[in-house]
Amino acid sequence: MTALLFVHGGGDDAYRYDKDIVDRLQPLLGAGMRIDFPRIVGLEGLDWDAVAHDLGNTLRDLPQGSVVIAHSVGASAVVKLLAEGARPRLAHLFLLAPPYNGTDSEWGDTDFAFAADLAAHLPRGLPITLYHSDDDEIISASNAKRYAAKIPEAETVIRHGGGHQFRGDLHFLAEAIMGVA
């Protein structure tokens, strides 16, 4: 059985909000594909040192062939850890509405910032799919376009509607996960 890890976003109550995504996605995947949804220490408070420790350990402990689904600031945190040398043996990385936190961006002066030459630092051959909603009210879809330019080998999909929390049908994500798991 493939291990599935969902990394929640950052900021106040992000875990609670993202639990809705997990609760809508889990039934579509079925009982044979259980989503692990731990609360990552530091994400809600945007404390990079705590996130780096807790999320770093969580990624390191994943079995080979795992799938990671990460949302918002949690997705950017996964990208930063990978760019800084974390090497979990993932089958696939799904990024949902991540803010582009490159040093060449508006958020590039935070602890969550990663190198502007991002692709050069990511694990070679790691399949990445990025989903963003065109009506995201929190993180503009222009962030997905920045990622697409920086990681051209990643698949970037701009979805119509759904907002930051991907409201509505998640069959697109469930099918993508099942296709790689």
C-alpha atoms as a PDB file:
ATOM      1  CA  MET A   1       0.000   0.000   0.000  1.00  0.00           C
ATOM      2  CA  THR A   2       1.304   3.455  -0.934  1.00  0.00           C
ATOM      3  CA  ALA A   3       1.802   5.890   1.932  1.00  0.00           C
ATOM      4  CA  LEU A   4      -0.081   9.155   1.407  1.00  0.00           C
ATOM      5  CA  LEU A   5       0.902  12.264   3.363  1.00  0.00           C
ATOM      6  CA  PHE A   6      -1.160  15.447   3.292  1.00  0.00           C
ATOM      7  CA  VAL A   7       0.703  18.539   4.501  1.00  0.00           C
ATOM      8  CA  HIS A   8      -1.640  21.308   5.617  1.00  0.00           C
ATOM      9  CA  GLY A   9      -1.196  24.995   4.897  1.00  0.00           C
ATOM     10  CA  GLY A  10       0.069  27.730   7.179  1.00  0.00           C
ATOM     11  CA  GLY A  11      -1.487  30.435   9.290  1.00  0.00           C
ATOM     12  CA  ASP A  12      -4.288  30.518  11.823  1.00  0.00           C
ATOM     13  CA  ASP A  13      -6.581  27.472  11.730  1.00  0.00           C
ATOM     14  CA  ALA A  14      -4.984  26.127   8.529  1.00  0.00           C
ATOM     15  CA  TYR A  15      -5.107  22.561   9.837  1.00  0.00           C
ATOM     16  CA  ARG A  16      -8.853  22.840  10.469  1.00  0.00           C
ATOM     17  CA  TYR A  17      -9.516  24.346   7.035  1.00  0.00           C
ATOM     18  CA  ASP A  18      -7.416  21.741   5.254  1.00  0.00           C
ATOM     19  CA  LYS A  19      -9.112  18.918   7.135  1.00  0.00           C
ATOM     20  CA  ASP A  20     -12.084  19.668   4.887  1.00  0.00           C
ATOM     21  CA  ILE A  21      -9.961  18.860   1.813  1.00  0.00           C
ATOM     22  CA  VAL A  22      -8.754  15.617   3.396  1.00  0.00           C
ATOM     23  CA  ASP A  23     -12.298  14.687   4.485  1.00  0.00           C
ATOM     24  CA  ARG A  24     -13.587  15.187   0.916  1.00  0.00           C
ATOM     25  CA  LEU A  25     -10.626  13.409  -0.700  1.00  0.00           C
ATOM     26  CA  GLN A  26     -10.410  10.313   1.521  1.00  0.00           C
ATOM     27  CA  PRO A  27     -13.722   8.699   0.440  1.00  0.00           C
ATOM     28  CA  LEU A  28     -12.746   9.122  -3.216  1.00  0.00           C
ATOM     29  CA  LEU A  29      -9.523   7.201  -2.610  1.00  0.00           C
ATOM     30  CA  GLY A  30     -11.189   4.390  -0.675  1.00  0.00           C
ATOM     31  CA  ALA A  31     -10.175   2.506   2.441  1.00  0.00           C
ATOM     32  CA  GLY A  32      -7.093   1.010   0.789  1.00  0.00           C
ATOM     33  CA  MET A  33      -5.445   4.427   0.470  1.00  0.00           C
ATOM     34  CA  ARG A  34      -5.477   6.097   3.871  1.00  0.00           C
ATOM     35  CA  ILE A  35      -4.310   9.707   4.029  1.00  0.00           C
ATOM     36  CA  ASP A  36      -1.934  10.519   6.888  1.00  0.00           C
ATOM     37  CA  PHE A  37      -2.767  14.067   8.006  1.00  0.00           C
ATOM     38  CA  PRO A  38      -0.502  15.089  10.891  1.00  0.00           C
ATOM     39  CA  ARG A  39      -0.500  18.552  12.396  1.00  0.00           C
ATOM     40  CA  ILE A  40       2.916  19.965  11.451  1.00  0.00           C
ATOM     41  CA  VAL A  41       4.398  21.903  14.348  1.00  0.00           C
ATOM     42  CA  GLY A  42       5.076  25.500  13.359  1.00  0.00           C
ATOM     43  CA  LEU A  43       2.968  25.735  10.187  1.00  0.00           C
ATOM     44  CA  GLU A  44       0.026  27.534  11.748  1.00  0.00           C
ATOM     45  CA  GLY A  45       2.379  29.935  13.529  1.00  0.00           C
ATOM     46  CA  LEU A  46       4.649  30.274  10.476  1.00  0.00           C
ATOM     47  CA  ASP A  47       7.697  29.301  12.540  1.00  0.00           C
ATOM     48  CA  TRP A  48      10.227  28.021  10.000  1.00  0.00           C
ATOM     49  CA  ASP A  49      12.600  26.403  12.498  1.00  0.00           C
ATOM     50  CA  ALA A  50       9.771  24.331  13.993  1.00  0.00           C
ATOM     51  CA  VAL A  51       8.411  23.470  10.527  1.00  0.00           C
ATOM     52  CA  ALA A  52      11.849  22.479   9.231  1.00  0.00           C
ATOM     53  CA  HIS A  53      12.324  20.138  12.186  1.00  0.00           C
ATOM     54  CA  ASP A  54       8.852  18.557  12.298  1.00  0.00           C
ATOM     55  CA  LEU A  55       8.128  18.412   8.563  1.00  0.00           C
ATOM     56  CA  GLY A  56      11.726  17.429   7.834  1.00  0.00           C
ATOM     57  CA  ASN A  57      11.402  14.442  10.185  1.00  0.00           C
ATOM     58  CA  THR A  58       8.001  13.548   8.738  1.00  0.00           C
ATOM     59  CA  LEU A  59       9.378  13.519   5.183  1.00  0.00           C
ATOM     60  CA  ARG A  60      12.478  11.594   6.215  1.00  0.00           C
ATOM     61  CA  ASP A  61      10.343   8.871   7.831  1.00  0.00           C
ATOM     62  CA  LEU A  62       8.210   8.239   4.727  1.00  0.00           C
ATOM     63  CA  PRO A  63       8.651   4.846   3.107  1.00  0.00           C
ATOM     64  CA  GLN A  64       9.974   4.635  -0.424  1.00  0.00           C
ATOM     65  CA  GLY A  65       7.311   5.276  -3.048  1.00  0.00           C
ATOM     66  CA  SER A  66       5.186   7.586  -0.905  1.00  0.00           C
ATOM     67  CA  VAL A  67       2.954  10.288  -2.331  1.00  0.00           C
ATOM     68  CA  VAL A  68       2.877  13.759  -0.767  1.00  0.00           C
ATOM     69  CA  ILE A  69      -0.024  16.155  -1.250  1.00  0.00           C
ATOM     70  CA  ALA A  70       0.776  19.582   0.189  1.00  0.00           C
ATOM     71  CA  HIS A  71      -1.399  22.684   0.356  1.00  0.00           C
ATOM     72  CA  SER A  72      -0.571  26.383   0.345  1.00  0.00           C
ATOM     73  CA  VAL A  73       2.288  27.388   2.675  1.00  0.00           C
ATOM     74  CA  GLY A  74       2.707  23.705   3.554  1.00  0.00           C
ATOM     75  CA  ALA A  75       3.429  23.060  -0.134  1.00  0.00           C
ATOM     76  CA  SER A  76       6.009  25.846  -0.204  1.00  0.00           C
ATOM     77  CA  ALA A  77       7.589  24.393   2.942  1.00  0.00           C
ATOM     78  CA  VAL A  78       7.914  20.967   1.277  1.00  0.00           C
ATOM     79  CA  VAL A  79       9.475  22.606  -1.789  1.00  0.00           C
ATOM     80  CA  LYS A  80      11.931  24.523   0.394  1.00  0.00           C
ATOM     81  CA  LEU A  81      12.977  21.386   2.289  1.00  0.00           C
ATOM     82  CA  LEU A  82      13.482  19.500  -0.973  1.00  0.00           C
ATOM     83  CA  ALA A  83      15.467  22.414  -2.426  1.00  0.00           C
ATOM     84  CA  GLU A  84      17.638  22.421   0.696  1.00  0.00           C
ATOM     85  CA  GLY A  85      18.517  18.749   0.409  1.00  0.00           C
ATOM     86  CA  ALA A  86      15.706  16.664   1.920  1.00  0.00           C
ATOM     87  CA  ARG A  87      15.505  13.503  -0.166  1.00  0.00           C
ATOM     88  CA  PRO A  88      12.445  11.424   0.688  1.00  0.00           C
ATOM     89  CA  ARG A  89      11.973   8.654  -1.867  1.00  0.00           C
ATOM     90  CA  LEU A  90       8.675   9.929  -3.272  1.00  0.00           C
ATOM     91  CA  ALA A  91       6.666   8.483  -6.120  1.00  0.00           C
ATOM     92  CA  HIS A  92       4.995  11.868  -6.696  1.00  0.00           C
ATOM     93  CA  LEU A  93       4.556  15.329  -5.189  1.00  0.00           C
ATOM     94  CA  PHE A  94       1.239  17.136  -5.582  1.00  0.00           C
ATOM     95  CA  LEU A  95       1.284  20.854  -4.755  1.00  0.00           C
ATOM     96  CA  LEU A  96      -2.056  22.591  -4.149  1.00  0.00           C
ATOM     97  CA  ALA A  97      -2.083  26.392  -4.419  1.00  0.00           C
ATOM     98  CA  PRO A  98       1.448  27.018  -3.154  1.00  0.00           C
ATOM     99  CA  PRO A  99       2.643  30.601  -2.819  1.00  0.00           C
ATOM    100  CA  TYR A 100       5.798  31.135  -4.849  1.00  0.00           C
ATOM    101  CA  ASN A 101       8.384  31.900  -2.140  1.00  0.00           C
ATOM    102  CA  GLY A 102      11.486  32.233  -4.276  1.00  0.00           C
ATOM    103  CA  THR A 103      14.056  34.829  -3.266  1.00  0.00           C
ATOM    104  CA  ASP A 104      12.997  36.659  -6.449  1.00  0.00           C
ATOM    105  CA  SER A 105       9.383  37.064  -5.260  1.00  0.00           C
ATOM    106  CA  GLU A 106       7.311  39.337  -3.072  1.00  0.00           C
ATOM    107  CA  TRP A 107       7.631  36.761  -0.243  1.00  0.00           C
ATOM    108  CA  GLY A 108      11.304  36.084  -0.849  1.00  0.00           C
ATOM    109  CA  ASP A 109      12.454  37.773   2.341  1.00  0.00           C
ATOM    110  CA  THR A 110      10.736  35.340   4.728  1.00  0.00           C
ATOM    111  CA  ASP A 111      12.190  32.290   6.471  1.00  0.00           C
ATOM    112  CA  PHE A 112      10.145  30.159   4.048  1.00  0.00           C
ATOM    113  CA  ALA A 113      11.989  31.528   0.976  1.00  0.00           C
ATOM    114  CA  PHE A 114      13.874  29.201  -1.348  1.00  0.00           C
ATOM    115  CA  ALA A 115      16.490  29.808  -4.038  1.00  0.00           C
ATOM    116  CA  ALA A 116      15.275  31.447  -7.238  1.00  0.00           C
ATOM    117  CA  ASP A 117      17.005  28.712  -9.268  1.00  0.00           C
ATOM    118  CA  LEU A 118      14.698  26.218  -7.607  1.00  0.00           C
ATOM    119  CA  ALA A 119      14.774  23.445 -10.224  1.00  0.00           C
ATOM    120  CA  ALA A 120      18.545  23.077  -9.872  1.00  0.00           C
ATOM    121  CA  HIS A 121      18.100  22.112  -6.215  1.00  0.00           C
ATOM    122  CA  LEU A 122      15.142  19.719  -6.388  1.00  0.00           C
ATOM    123  CA  PRO A 123      15.571  15.939  -6.518  1.00  0.00           C
ATOM    124  CA  ARG A 124      16.179  14.859 -10.106  1.00  0.00           C
ATOM    125  CA  GLY A 125      13.330  12.921 -11.659  1.00  0.00           C
ATOM    126  CA  LEU A 126      10.766  13.710  -8.951  1.00  0.00           C
ATOM    127  CA  PRO A 127       7.354  13.930 -10.647  1.00  0.00           C
ATOM    128  CA  ILE A 128       5.559  17.093  -9.541  1.00  0.00           C
ATOM    129  CA  THR A 129       2.014  18.189 -10.328  1.00  0.00           C
ATOM    130  CA  LEU A 130       0.842  21.633  -9.269  1.00  0.00           C
ATOM    131  CA  TYR A 131      -2.847  22.536  -9.083  1.00  0.00           C
ATOM    132  CA  HIS A 132      -4.137  26.060  -8.616  1.00  0.00           C
ATOM    133  CA  SER A 133      -7.633  27.532  -8.913  1.00  0.00           C
ATOM    134  CA  ASP A 134      -8.103  30.510 -11.199  1.00  0.00           C
ATOM    135  CA  ASP A 135     -10.317  32.142  -8.549  1.00  0.00           C
ATOM    136  CA  ASP A 136      -8.021  31.550  -5.553  1.00  0.00           C
ATOM    137  CA  GLU A 137      -8.811  34.410  -3.178  1.00  0.00           C
ATOM    138  CA  ILE A 138      -5.751  33.834  -0.967  1.00  0.00           C
ATOM    139  CA  ILE A 139      -2.867  32.947  -3.321  1.00  0.00           C
ATOM    140  CA  SER A 140      -3.206  34.265  -6.866  1.00  0.00           C
ATOM    141  CA  ALA A 141      -2.902  31.764  -9.719  1.00  0.00           C
ATOM    142  CA  SER A 142       0.008  33.887 -10.964  1.00  0.00           C
ATOM    143  CA  ASN A 143       2.036  31.985  -8.352  1.00  0.00           C
ATOM    144  CA  ALA A 144       1.441  28.757 -10.316  1.00  0.00           C
ATOM    145  CA  LYS A 145       2.784  30.469 -13.410  1.00  0.00           C
ATOM    146  CA  ARG A 146       5.956  31.386 -11.500  1.00  0.00           C
ATOM    147  CA  TYR A 147       6.420  27.753 -10.488  1.00  0.00           C
ATOM    148  CA  ALA A 148       5.770  26.626 -14.073  1.00  0.00           C
ATOM    149  CA  ALA A 149       8.523  28.931 -15.292  1.00  0.00           C
ATOM    150  CA  LYS A 150      10.945  27.761 -12.586  1.00  0.00           C
ATOM    151  CA  ILE A 151      10.141  24.026 -12.793  1.00  0.00           C
ATOM    152  CA  PRO A 152       9.173  23.474 -16.439  1.00  0.00           C
ATOM    153  CA  GLU A 153       9.216  19.675 -16.070  1.00  0.00           C
ATOM    154  CA  ALA A 154       6.409  19.881 -13.496  1.00  0.00           C
ATOM    155  CA  GLU A 155       2.847  19.567 -14.704  1.00  0.00           C
ATOM    156  CA  THR A 156       0.927  22.753 -13.894  1.00  0.00           C
ATOM    157  CA  VAL A 157      -2.870  22.719 -13.996  1.00  0.00           C
ATOM    158  CA  ILE A 158      -4.963  25.862 -13.498  1.00  0.00           C
ATOM    159  CA  ARG A 159      -8.459  24.727 -12.508  1.00  0.00           C
ATOM    160  CA  HIS A 160     -11.601  26.729 -13.115  1.00  0.00           C
ATOM    161  CA  GLY A 161     -13.224  27.573  -9.783  1.00  0.00           C
ATOM    162  CA  GLY A 162     -12.834  26.054  -6.353  1.00  0.00           C
ATOM    163  CA  GLY A 163     -10.933  28.854  -4.653  1.00  0.00           C
ATOM    164  CA  HIS A 164      -8.031  28.338  -2.304  1.00  0.00           C
ATOM    165  CA  GLN A 165      -9.638  25.322  -0.587  1.00  0.00           C
ATOM    166  CA  PHE A 166     -10.552  23.569  -3.872  1.00  0.00           C
ATOM    167  CA  ARG A 167     -14.245  23.586  -2.998  1.00  0.00           C
ATOM    168  CA  GLY A 168     -16.391  21.107  -4.890  1.00  0.00           C
ATOM    169  CA  ASP A 169     -15.429  17.932  -6.674  1.00  0.00           C
ATOM    170  CA  LEU A 170     -11.969  16.496  -5.976  1.00  0.00           C
ATOM    171  CA  HIS A 171     -12.186  13.580  -8.417  1.00  0.00           C
ATOM    172  CA  PHE A 172      -9.421  15.207 -10.490  1.00  0.00           C
ATOM    173  CA  LEU A 173      -7.027  14.927  -7.547  1.00  0.00           C
ATOM    174  CA  ALA A 174      -8.153  11.462  -6.444  1.00  0.00           C
ATOM    175  CA  GLU A 175      -7.715  10.125  -9.978  1.00  0.00           C
ATOM    176  CA  ALA A 176      -4.251  11.673 -10.262  1.00  0.00           C
ATOM    177  CA  ILE A 177      -3.197  10.168  -6.923  1.00  0.00           C
ATOM    178  CA  MET A 178      -4.552   6.726  -7.831  1.00  0.00           C
ATOM    179  CA  GLY A 179      -2.753   6.985 -11.159  1.00  0.00           C
ATOM    180  CA  VAL A 180       0.643   7.225  -9.471  1.00  0.00           C
ATOM    181  CA  ALA A 181       0.064   5.172  -6.304  1.00  0.00           C
END
